[in-house]
Amino acid sequence: MSVPEAKFRINAKEGIVELEGTVTFVDKHLEKFEELFNSAIREAIGRGFEQGLSKQEEGNTKSLPLHTETKLSANQTSNTRHSSPKQSLTLPPIPVDLKVNEKKIGLREFYAQKKPSNHYERTAVFAYYLSHFNKKTEIRYGELLSCYEEVDEKKPSIIDIVKNSIRYKGWLEQGYDKFATRLTISGENFVKFDLPQQKASRLVEQPHPAQLSLNR
């Protein structure tokens, strides 16, 4: 009795595929049998878990819109933050009396006496002048800009200068108005006693007259 050329057994429950035969037969039909087996397994699983999968998909579908909406909302917030252009605020000068009269010195003369060397020192000098000579309790940023024009100095970003002077120098403090400032005691002392700042000079020792005569 001859041995059959090939055997093929498929067990969908246990997931077993057995293919027995010659090498030529196995190589020729293995891929096709695996395809048929996978199709049968998918069909069985689909029927067996159809109800469970439907419930799971329904739950995923319900939760998806909320997740998607949250993600879009975050993206929209991010896009809005990065796409909005940064706007720089430009303040105009505010007219103020800076000229000399019988009651006060002019700002130009006072500025020349104090010789401030940077914007922080200049704003402190201007705040001192407006506080002491113009009797202002608060100095508006636009008035500081008018001081720059009066002494013919290049105007800075006055908002940044005042903010940094408050934070790092302590010569100014925030006024009641958003764009107003006040001179502090530290700033008053600096302008009154420390300006103009004396540059350190190297002293050269001069020879005594008697030494000069001896050297001759």
C-alpha atoms as a PDB file:
ATOM      1  CA  MET A   1       0.000   0.000   0.000  1.00  0.00           C
ATOM      2  CA  SER A   2       1.529   3.300  -1.064  1.00  0.00           C
ATOM      3  CA  VAL A   3       2.018   6.202   1.348  1.00  0.00           C
ATOM      4  CA  PRO A   4      -0.044   9.237   0.429  1.00  0.00           C
ATOM      5  CA  GLU A   5       1.973  11.997  -1.114  1.00  0.00           C
ATOM      6  CA  ALA A   6       0.738  14.693   1.220  1.00  0.00           C
ATOM      7  CA  LYS A   7      -1.268  15.396   4.367  1.00  0.00           C
ATOM      8  CA  PHE A   8      -2.954  18.628   5.325  1.00  0.00           C
ATOM      9  CA  ARG A   9      -4.638  19.295   8.663  1.00  0.00           C
ATOM     10  CA  ILE A  10      -5.949  22.547  10.016  1.00  0.00           C
ATOM     11  CA  ASN A  11      -7.130  23.103  13.605  1.00  0.00           C
ATOM     12  CA  ALA A  12      -8.697  26.553  13.877  1.00  0.00           C
ATOM     13  CA  LYS A  13      -9.448  26.180  17.597  1.00  0.00           C
ATOM     14  CA  GLU A  14      -5.843  25.484  18.602  1.00  0.00           C
ATOM     15  CA  GLY A  15      -4.297  27.494  15.782  1.00  0.00           C
ATOM     16  CA  ILE A  16      -2.376  24.546  14.284  1.00  0.00           C
ATOM     17  CA  VAL A  17      -1.509  24.026  10.626  1.00  0.00           C
ATOM     18  CA  GLU A  18       0.128  20.809   9.595  1.00  0.00           C
ATOM     19  CA  LEU A  19       1.341  20.182   6.060  1.00  0.00           C
ATOM     20  CA  GLU A  20       3.149  16.952   5.335  1.00  0.00           C
ATOM     21  CA  GLY A  21       4.555  15.754   2.034  1.00  0.00           C
ATOM     22  CA  THR A  22       7.489  16.109  -0.302  1.00  0.00           C
ATOM     23  CA  VAL A  23       9.634  19.226  -0.222  1.00  0.00           C
ATOM     24  CA  THR A  24       8.337  20.248  -3.623  1.00  0.00           C
ATOM     25  CA  PHE A  25       4.726  19.887  -2.492  1.00  0.00           C
ATOM     26  CA  VAL A  26       5.250  21.813   0.746  1.00  0.00           C
ATOM     27  CA  ASP A  27       7.076  24.643  -0.943  1.00  0.00           C
ATOM     28  CA  LYS A  28       4.391  24.891  -3.576  1.00  0.00           C
ATOM     29  CA  HIS A  29       1.303  24.873  -1.352  1.00  0.00           C
ATOM     30  CA  LEU A  30       2.405  26.134   2.061  1.00  0.00           C
ATOM     31  CA  GLU A  31       1.833  29.812   1.330  1.00  0.00           C
ATOM     32  CA  LYS A  32      -1.602  29.079  -0.138  1.00  0.00           C
ATOM     33  CA  PHE A  33      -2.662  26.953   2.849  1.00  0.00           C
ATOM     34  CA  GLU A  34      -1.471  29.589   5.295  1.00  0.00           C
ATOM     35  CA  GLU A  35      -3.567  32.136   3.448  1.00  0.00           C
ATOM     36  CA  LEU A  36      -6.642  29.911   3.707  1.00  0.00           C
ATOM     37  CA  PHE A  37      -5.952  29.252   7.375  1.00  0.00           C
ATOM     38  CA  ASN A  38      -5.580  32.928   8.243  1.00  0.00           C
ATOM     39  CA  SER A  39      -8.794  33.708   6.401  1.00  0.00           C
ATOM     40  CA  ALA A  40     -10.655  30.986   8.349  1.00  0.00           C
ATOM     41  CA  ILE A  41      -9.210  32.241  11.659  1.00  0.00           C
ATOM     42  CA  ARG A  42     -10.214  35.825  10.905  1.00  0.00           C
ATOM     43  CA  GLU A  43     -13.722  34.729  10.026  1.00  0.00           C
ATOM     44  CA  ALA A  44     -14.084  32.673  13.200  1.00  0.00           C
ATOM     45  CA  ILE A  45     -12.742  35.431  15.400  1.00  0.00           C
ATOM     46  CA  GLY A  46     -14.945  37.974  13.687  1.00  0.00           C
ATOM     47  CA  ARG A  47     -18.057  35.929  14.404  1.00  0.00           C
ATOM     48  CA  GLY A  48     -17.044  34.983  17.919  1.00  0.00           C
ATOM     49  CA  PHE A  49     -16.132  38.474  19.106  1.00  0.00           C
ATOM     50  CA  GLU A  50     -18.421  40.539  16.949  1.00  0.00           C
ATOM     51  CA  GLN A  51     -20.543  41.726  19.852  1.00  0.00           C
ATOM     52  CA  GLY A  52     -17.589  42.534  22.117  1.00  0.00           C
ATOM     53  CA  LEU A  53     -15.760  44.387  19.382  1.00  0.00           C
ATOM     54  CA  SER A  54     -18.858  46.392  18.540  1.00  0.00           C
ATOM     55  CA  LYS A  55     -19.158  47.563  22.155  1.00  0.00           C
ATOM     56  CA  GLN A  56     -15.479  48.430  22.315  1.00  0.00           C
ATOM     57  CA  GLU A  57     -15.626  50.406  19.078  1.00  0.00           C
ATOM     58  CA  GLU A  58     -18.687  52.225  20.335  1.00  0.00           C
ATOM     59  CA  GLY A  59     -16.835  53.233  23.509  1.00  0.00           C
ATOM     60  CA  ASN A  60     -13.792  54.379  21.523  1.00  0.00           C
ATOM     61  CA  THR A  61     -16.038  56.366  19.204  1.00  0.00           C
ATOM     62  CA  LYS A  62     -17.658  58.149  22.125  1.00  0.00           C
ATOM     63  CA  SER A  63     -14.338  59.095  23.695  1.00  0.00           C
ATOM     64  CA  LEU A  64     -12.696  60.179  20.426  1.00  0.00           C
ATOM     65  CA  PRO A  65     -14.461  63.516  19.869  1.00  0.00           C
ATOM     66  CA  LEU A  66     -13.506  64.774  23.347  1.00  0.00           C
ATOM     67  CA  HIS A  67      -9.843  63.808  22.864  1.00  0.00           C
ATOM     68  CA  THR A  68      -9.749  65.279  19.386  1.00  0.00           C
ATOM     69  CA  GLU A  69     -11.409  68.469  20.514  1.00  0.00           C
ATOM     70  CA  THR A  70      -8.946  68.874  23.390  1.00  0.00           C
ATOM     71  CA  LYS A  71      -5.985  68.359  21.067  1.00  0.00           C
ATOM     72  CA  LEU A  72      -7.276  70.853  18.529  1.00  0.00           C
ATOM     73  CA  SER A  73      -7.918  73.350  21.267  1.00  0.00           C
ATOM     74  CA  ALA A  74      -4.343  73.017  22.476  1.00  0.00           C
ATOM     75  CA  ASN A  75      -3.010  73.402  18.943  1.00  0.00           C
ATOM     76  CA  GLN A  76      -5.138  76.456  18.343  1.00  0.00           C
ATOM     77  CA  THR A  77      -3.861  78.001  21.570  1.00  0.00           C
ATOM     78  CA  SER A  78      -0.268  77.252  20.582  1.00  0.00           C
ATOM     79  CA  ASN A  79      -0.715  78.638  17.085  1.00  0.00           C
ATOM     80  CA  THR A  80      -2.349  81.776  18.427  1.00  0.00           C
ATOM     81  CA  ARG A  81       0.482  82.325  20.879  1.00  0.00           C
ATOM     82  CA  HIS A  82       3.222  82.010  18.281  1.00  0.00           C
ATOM     83  CA  SER A  83       1.523  83.678  15.356  1.00  0.00           C
ATOM     84  CA  SER A  84       0.462  86.846  17.144  1.00  0.00           C
ATOM     85  CA  PRO A  85       3.038  89.560  16.402  1.00  0.00           C
ATOM     86  CA  LYS A  86       4.774  91.234  19.305  1.00  0.00           C
ATOM     87  CA  GLN A  87       3.748  94.861  19.468  1.00  0.00           C
ATOM     88  CA  SER A  88       6.121  97.495  20.792  1.00  0.00           C
ATOM     89  CA  LEU A  89       4.537 100.428  22.592  1.00  0.00           C
ATOM     90  CA  THR A  90       5.755 103.853  21.516  1.00  0.00           C
ATOM     91  CA  LEU A  91       5.161 106.675  23.982  1.00  0.00           C
ATOM     92  CA  PRO A  92       5.219 110.278  22.791  1.00  0.00           C
ATOM     93  CA  PRO A  93       7.147 113.007  24.649  1.00  0.00           C
ATOM     94  CA  ILE A  94       5.068 115.103  27.048  1.00  0.00           C
ATOM     95  CA  PRO A  95       5.843 118.855  27.107  1.00  0.00           C
ATOM     96  CA  VAL A  96       7.344 120.048  30.382  1.00  0.00           C
ATOM     97  CA  ASP A  97       9.105 123.262  31.446  1.00  0.00           C
ATOM     98  CA  LEU A  98      12.844 122.562  31.372  1.00  0.00           C
ATOM     99  CA  LYS A  99      14.158 126.089  30.794  1.00  0.00           C
ATOM    100  CA  VAL A 100      16.050 128.266  33.213  1.00  0.00           C
ATOM    101  CA  ASN A 101      14.198 131.047  35.048  1.00  0.00           C
ATOM    102  CA  GLU A 102      14.630 133.127  38.194  1.00  0.00           C
ATOM    103  CA  LYS A 103      13.438 130.229  40.369  1.00  0.00           C
ATOM    104  CA  LYS A 104      15.345 127.274  38.953  1.00  0.00           C
ATOM    105  CA  ILE A 105      18.309 126.149  36.914  1.00  0.00           C
ATOM    106  CA  GLY A 106      17.706 124.859  33.394  1.00  0.00           C
ATOM    107  CA  LEU A 107      17.915 121.142  32.673  1.00  0.00           C
ATOM    108  CA  ARG A 108      20.804 121.619  30.232  1.00  0.00           C
ATOM    109  CA  GLU A 109      22.923 123.317  32.889  1.00  0.00           C
ATOM    110  CA  PHE A 110      22.014 120.752  35.528  1.00  0.00           C
ATOM    111  CA  TYR A 111      22.729 117.905  33.085  1.00  0.00           C
ATOM    112  CA  ALA A 112      26.134 119.391  32.256  1.00  0.00           C
ATOM    113  CA  GLN A 113      26.973 119.560  35.976  1.00  0.00           C
ATOM    114  CA  LYS A 114      26.042 115.941  36.715  1.00  0.00           C
ATOM    115  CA  LYS A 115      27.540 114.366  33.558  1.00  0.00           C
ATOM    116  CA  PRO A 116      25.528 111.107  33.505  1.00  0.00           C
ATOM    117  CA  SER A 117      27.204 108.426  31.417  1.00  0.00           C
ATOM    118  CA  ASN A 118      24.384 106.005  30.548  1.00  0.00           C
ATOM    119  CA  HIS A 119      20.604 105.824  30.246  1.00  0.00           C
ATOM    120  CA  TYR A 120      20.068 104.711  33.847  1.00  0.00           C
ATOM    121  CA  GLU A 121      22.030 107.674  35.168  1.00  0.00           C
ATOM    122  CA  ARG A 122      20.285 110.016  32.732  1.00  0.00           C
ATOM    123  CA  THR A 123      16.791 108.958  33.789  1.00  0.00           C
ATOM    124  CA  ALA A 124      17.798 109.345  37.440  1.00  0.00           C
ATOM    125  CA  VAL A 125      19.098 112.870  36.728  1.00  0.00           C
ATOM    126  CA  PHE A 126      15.922 113.753  34.825  1.00  0.00           C
ATOM    127  CA  ALA A 127      13.716 112.354  37.603  1.00  0.00           C
ATOM    128  CA  TYR A 128      15.721 114.331  40.170  1.00  0.00           C
ATOM    129  CA  TYR A 129      15.381 117.556  38.164  1.00  0.00           C
ATOM    130  CA  LEU A 130      11.629 117.135  37.641  1.00  0.00           C
ATOM    131  CA  SER A 131      11.079 116.208  41.298  1.00  0.00           C
ATOM    132  CA  HIS A 132      13.178 118.969  42.891  1.00  0.00           C
ATOM    133  CA  PHE A 133      12.985 121.839  40.433  1.00  0.00           C
ATOM    134  CA  ASN A 134       9.572 121.228  38.844  1.00  0.00           C
ATOM    135  CA  LYS A 135       8.074 119.928  42.130  1.00  0.00           C
ATOM    136  CA  LYS A 136       6.535 116.839  40.551  1.00  0.00           C
ATOM    137  CA  THR A 137       5.522 113.997  42.841  1.00  0.00           C
ATOM    138  CA  GLU A 138       5.390 111.581  39.906  1.00  0.00           C
ATOM    139  CA  ILE A 139       7.261 111.702  36.629  1.00  0.00           C
ATOM    140  CA  ARG A 140       5.546 110.416  33.534  1.00  0.00           C
ATOM    141  CA  TYR A 141       7.561 108.481  30.981  1.00  0.00           C
ATOM    142  CA  GLY A 142       6.742 111.036  28.281  1.00  0.00           C
ATOM    143  CA  GLU A 143       8.275 113.784  30.444  1.00  0.00           C
ATOM    144  CA  LEU A 144      11.510 111.812  30.650  1.00  0.00           C
ATOM    145  CA  LEU A 145      11.517 111.612  26.849  1.00  0.00           C
ATOM    146  CA  SER A 146      11.145 115.414  26.676  1.00  0.00           C
ATOM    147  CA  CYS A 147      14.234 115.649  28.891  1.00  0.00           C
ATOM    148  CA  TYR A 148      16.170 113.573  26.368  1.00  0.00           C
ATOM    149  CA  GLU A 149      15.117 115.935  23.625  1.00  0.00           C
ATOM    150  CA  GLU A 150      16.083 118.980  25.705  1.00  0.00           C
ATOM    151  CA  VAL A 151      19.675 117.783  26.239  1.00  0.00           C
ATOM    152  CA  ASP A 152      19.887 116.423  22.660  1.00  0.00           C
ATOM    153  CA  GLU A 153      20.486 112.803  23.640  1.00  0.00           C
ATOM    154  CA  LYS A 154      19.269 109.757  21.747  1.00  0.00           C
ATOM    155  CA  LYS A 155      16.034 108.453  23.273  1.00  0.00           C
ATOM    156  CA  PRO A 156      16.027 104.833  24.528  1.00  0.00           C
ATOM    157  CA  SER A 157      13.154 102.426  25.098  1.00  0.00           C
ATOM    158  CA  ILE A 158      12.066 104.364  28.166  1.00  0.00           C
ATOM    159  CA  ILE A 159       9.756 101.604  29.436  1.00  0.00           C
ATOM    160  CA  ASP A 160      12.655  99.139  29.601  1.00  0.00           C
ATOM    161  CA  ILE A 161      15.033 101.667  31.141  1.00  0.00           C
ATOM    162  CA  VAL A 162      12.625 102.571  33.931  1.00  0.00           C
ATOM    163  CA  LYS A 163      11.702  98.934  34.551  1.00  0.00           C
ATOM    164  CA  ASN A 164      15.345  97.856  34.813  1.00  0.00           C
ATOM    165  CA  SER A 165      16.228 100.870  36.924  1.00  0.00           C
ATOM    166  CA  ILE A 166      13.483  99.894  39.376  1.00  0.00           C
ATOM    167  CA  ARG A 167      14.556  96.259  39.436  1.00  0.00           C
ATOM    168  CA  TYR A 168      18.350  96.472  39.379  1.00  0.00           C
ATOM    169  CA  LYS A 169      19.353  99.992  40.417  1.00  0.00           C
ATOM    170  CA  GLY A 170      16.702 100.970  42.919  1.00  0.00           C
ATOM    171  CA  TRP A 171      16.897 104.634  41.849  1.00  0.00           C
ATOM    172  CA  LEU A 172      13.260 104.693  40.707  1.00  0.00           C
ATOM    173  CA  GLU A 173      10.017 103.111  41.853  1.00  0.00           C
ATOM    174  CA  GLN A 174       6.696 102.449  40.181  1.00  0.00           C
ATOM    175  CA  GLY A 175       4.218 105.330  40.261  1.00  0.00           C
ATOM    176  CA  TYR A 176       0.473 105.119  40.704  1.00  0.00           C
ATOM    177  CA  ASP A 177      -0.031 105.477  36.971  1.00  0.00           C
ATOM    178  CA  LYS A 178       1.119 102.647  34.700  1.00  0.00           C
ATOM    179  CA  PHE A 179       3.537 104.905  32.819  1.00  0.00           C
ATOM    180  CA  ALA A 180       4.757 106.987  35.733  1.00  0.00           C
ATOM    181  CA  THR A 181       7.644 106.668  38.170  1.00  0.00           C
ATOM    182  CA  ARG A 182       9.056 108.276  41.302  1.00  0.00           C
ATOM    183  CA  LEU A 183      12.578 109.001  42.455  1.00  0.00           C
ATOM    184  CA  THR A 184      13.651 106.920  45.454  1.00  0.00           C
ATOM    185  CA  ILE A 185      15.881 108.065  48.316  1.00  0.00           C
ATOM    186  CA  SER A 186      18.637 105.902  46.843  1.00  0.00           C
ATOM    187  CA  GLY A 187      18.245 107.645  43.484  1.00  0.00           C
ATOM    188  CA  GLU A 188      18.187 111.064  45.116  1.00  0.00           C
ATOM    189  CA  ASN A 189      21.399 110.364  47.022  1.00  0.00           C
ATOM    190  CA  PHE A 190      23.071 109.003  43.898  1.00  0.00           C
ATOM    191  CA  VAL A 191      22.321 112.108  41.826  1.00  0.00           C
ATOM    192  CA  LYS A 192      23.010 114.550  44.644  1.00  0.00           C
ATOM    193  CA  PHE A 193      26.231 113.076  46.043  1.00  0.00           C
ATOM    194  CA  ASP A 194      27.686 110.577  43.559  1.00  0.00           C
ATOM    195  CA  LEU A 195      27.413 112.520  40.299  1.00  0.00           C
ATOM    196  CA  PRO A 196      29.503 113.455  38.504  1.00  0.00           C
ATOM    197  CA  GLN A 197      31.468 110.273  39.012  1.00  0.00           C
ATOM    198  CA  GLN A 198      35.179 110.897  39.289  1.00  0.00           C
ATOM    199  CA  LYS A 199      37.305 108.794  37.004  1.00  0.00           C
ATOM    200  CA  ALA A 200      40.168 107.096  38.789  1.00  0.00           C
ATOM    201  CA  SER A 201      43.383 108.792  37.733  1.00  0.00           C
ATOM    202  CA  ARG A 202      46.843 107.443  38.127  1.00  0.00           C
ATOM    203  CA  LEU A 203      48.952 109.691  40.341  1.00  0.00           C
ATOM    204  CA  VAL A 204      52.547 110.198  39.200  1.00  0.00           C
ATOM    205  CA  GLU A 205      54.928 111.052  41.984  1.00  0.00           C
ATOM    206  CA  GLN A 206      56.791 114.254  41.247  1.00  0.00           C
ATOM    207  CA  PRO A 207      60.450 114.490  42.316  1.00  0.00           C
ATOM    208  CA  HIS A 208      61.311 116.911  45.081  1.00  0.00           C
ATOM    209  CA  PRO A 209      63.101 120.145  43.928  1.00  0.00           C
ATOM    210  CA  ALA A 210      66.114 119.243  46.053  1.00  0.00           C
ATOM    211  CA  GLN A 211      66.416 115.952  44.245  1.00  0.00           C
ATOM    212  CA  LEU A 212      66.349 117.752  40.907  1.00  0.00           C
ATOM    213  CA  SER A 213      69.267 119.966  41.923  1.00  0.00           C
ATOM    214  CA  LEU A 214      71.297 117.019  43.185  1.00  0.00           C
ATOM    215  CA  ASN A 215      70.753 115.112  39.954  1.00  0.00           C
ATOM    216  CA  ARG A 216      72.147 118.018  38.026  1.00  0.00           C
END
